[in-house]
Amino acid sequence: MVRISRSEFEEAVDDALDSLPEEIAEAIARSNVVILVEEEPDPQPDGTELLGLYEGIPLDHRSVFDGYAQPDRILIYRGPLQRVSATREELVEQIAVTVLHELGHLFGISDARLHELGWA
């Protein structure tokens, strides 16, 4: 387990977002989504520990007829990510993978496909 300050953690999330191609970053900016760092996820019924979570309607399921909607949310969980990482470098890499994984869900990509792409 490795620990870093909340500000360092948030900086690593920002770095992951900054690594995206410009057109992807622009699509995210237009998509009505907020990306938040949370300390811990709610306990899961199956006992798994989430590293991140996407809550919302994927872009490929949205319609102009939906009207106003609350922003989608991407939650990145600081505690679990620190617990699964042995080094700072591993933590930063895992943060990037988790951010990209949850953004994949925003774009309608399934868990199975994200695993195939190496973003799981």
Protein backbone atom coordinates (compact mmCIF):
# COMPACT_ATOMS: atom_id res chain seq x y z
CA MET A 1 0.00 0.00 0.00
CA VAL A 2 1.19 3.47 -0.85
CA ARG A 3 -0.26 6.75 0.38
CA ILE A 4 -0.12 10.14 -1.28
CA SER A 5 -1.83 13.38 -0.31
CA ARG A 6 -5.24 14.17 -1.69
CA SER A 7 -3.78 17.02 -3.77
CA GLU A 8 -1.16 14.66 -5.28
CA PHE A 9 -3.92 12.13 -6.01
CA GLU A 10 -6.08 14.78 -7.70
CA GLU A 11 -3.05 15.89 -9.70
CA ALA A 12 -2.59 12.30 -10.94
CA VAL A 13 -6.27 12.26 -12.02
CA ASP A 14 -5.72 15.57 -13.84
CA ASP A 15 -2.59 14.16 -15.50
CA ALA A 16 -4.60 11.18 -16.78
CA LEU A 17 -7.17 13.57 -18.26
CA ASP A 18 -4.42 15.75 -19.75
CA SER A 19 -3.02 12.70 -21.54
CA LEU A 20 -6.14 12.35 -23.69
CA PRO A 21 -6.18 13.43 -27.32
CA GLU A 22 -7.69 16.90 -27.78
CA GLU A 23 -10.81 15.74 -29.61
CA ILE A 24 -11.59 13.22 -26.85
CA ALA A 25 -11.03 15.87 -24.17
CA GLU A 26 -13.39 18.21 -26.05
CA ALA A 27 -16.06 15.50 -26.28
CA ILE A 28 -15.78 14.93 -22.53
CA ALA A 29 -16.04 18.67 -21.88
CA ARG A 30 -19.29 18.78 -23.90
CA SER A 31 -20.77 15.66 -22.30
CA ASN A 32 -22.19 17.01 -19.02
CA VAL A 33 -20.00 14.85 -16.77
CA VAL A 34 -18.21 15.65 -13.53
CA ILE A 35 -15.13 13.71 -12.37
CA LEU A 36 -14.78 13.50 -8.61
CA VAL A 37 -12.28 12.00 -6.19
CA GLU A 38 -13.96 10.19 -3.29
CA GLU A 39 -12.23 8.51 -0.37
CA GLU A 40 -14.15 5.22 -0.30
CA PRO A 41 -16.91 3.50 -2.30
CA ASP A 42 -20.07 2.15 -0.75
CA PRO A 43 -19.74 -1.53 0.22
CA GLN A 44 -20.68 -3.83 -2.65
CA PRO A 45 -23.05 -6.78 -2.12
CA ASP A 46 -20.52 -9.19 -3.65
CA GLY A 47 -17.67 -7.88 -1.48
CA THR A 48 -15.63 -6.42 -4.34
CA GLU A 49 -13.91 -3.12 -3.81
CA LEU A 50 -14.49 -0.57 -6.56
CA LEU A 51 -11.62 1.56 -7.83
CA GLY A 52 -13.93 3.84 -9.81
CA LEU A 53 -17.54 4.16 -10.86
CA TYR A 54 -19.43 5.72 -13.76
CA GLU A 55 -22.98 6.86 -13.00
CA GLY A 56 -25.07 8.20 -15.84
CA ILE A 57 -26.29 7.69 -19.37
CA PRO A 58 -23.54 6.77 -21.86
CA LEU A 59 -23.16 9.12 -24.80
CA ASP A 60 -24.33 6.47 -27.26
CA HIS A 61 -27.65 6.15 -25.37
CA ARG A 62 -28.45 9.85 -25.09
CA SER A 63 -31.06 11.65 -27.15
CA VAL A 64 -31.84 15.28 -27.89
CA PHE A 65 -35.30 14.44 -26.56
CA ASP A 66 -33.99 13.59 -23.08
CA GLY A 67 -34.30 17.18 -21.89
CA TYR A 68 -32.37 18.45 -18.90
CA ALA A 69 -30.46 15.85 -16.92
CA GLN A 70 -28.19 16.02 -13.92
CA PRO A 71 -24.52 15.65 -14.88
CA ASP A 72 -23.15 12.15 -15.15
CA ARG A 73 -20.57 11.35 -12.48
CA ILE A 74 -17.27 9.56 -12.61
CA LEU A 75 -16.01 8.69 -9.14
CA ILE A 76 -12.37 7.78 -8.57
CA TYR A 77 -11.83 6.12 -5.18
CA ARG A 78 -8.64 7.16 -3.42
CA GLY A 79 -8.60 4.54 -0.63
CA PRO A 80 -8.92 1.39 -2.75
CA LEU A 81 -6.48 2.65 -5.37
CA GLN A 82 -3.86 3.31 -2.69
CA ARG A 83 -4.47 -0.13 -1.15
CA VAL A 84 -3.94 -2.03 -4.43
CA SER A 85 -0.71 -0.21 -5.27
CA ALA A 86 2.72 -1.13 -3.93
CA THR A 87 4.62 1.89 -5.31
CA ARG A 88 3.87 5.48 -6.23
CA GLU A 89 4.49 4.68 -9.90
CA GLU A 90 2.04 1.78 -9.74
CA LEU A 91 -0.55 4.03 -8.07
CA VAL A 92 -0.22 6.74 -10.73
CA GLU A 93 -0.56 4.10 -13.45
CA GLN A 94 -3.59 2.53 -11.76
CA ILE A 95 -5.22 5.97 -11.39
CA ALA A 96 -4.74 6.57 -15.13
CA VAL A 97 -6.17 3.15 -16.02
CA THR A 98 -9.17 3.71 -13.73
CA VAL A 99 -9.87 7.18 -15.13
CA LEU A 100 -9.68 5.85 -18.71
CA HIS A 101 -11.82 2.82 -17.79
CA GLU A 102 -14.61 5.00 -16.36
CA LEU A 103 -14.40 7.40 -19.31
CA GLY A 104 -14.80 4.36 -21.55
CA HIS A 105 -18.18 3.74 -19.91
CA LEU A 106 -19.14 7.36 -20.65
CA PHE A 107 -18.54 6.55 -24.32
CA GLY A 108 -20.60 3.36 -24.05
CA ILE A 109 -17.74 0.85 -23.98
CA SER A 110 -18.51 -2.35 -22.05
CA ASP A 111 -16.35 -3.85 -19.30
CA ALA A 112 -15.53 -6.79 -21.56
CA ARG A 113 -14.24 -4.50 -24.32
CA LEU A 114 -12.31 -2.36 -21.83
CA HIS A 115 -10.60 -5.54 -20.58
CA GLU A 116 -9.70 -6.44 -24.18
CA LEU A 117 -8.18 -2.98 -24.61
CA GLY A 118 -6.16 -3.27 -21.38
CA TRP A 119 -8.15 -0.60 -19.51
CA ALA A 120 -9.48 -2.77 -16.71
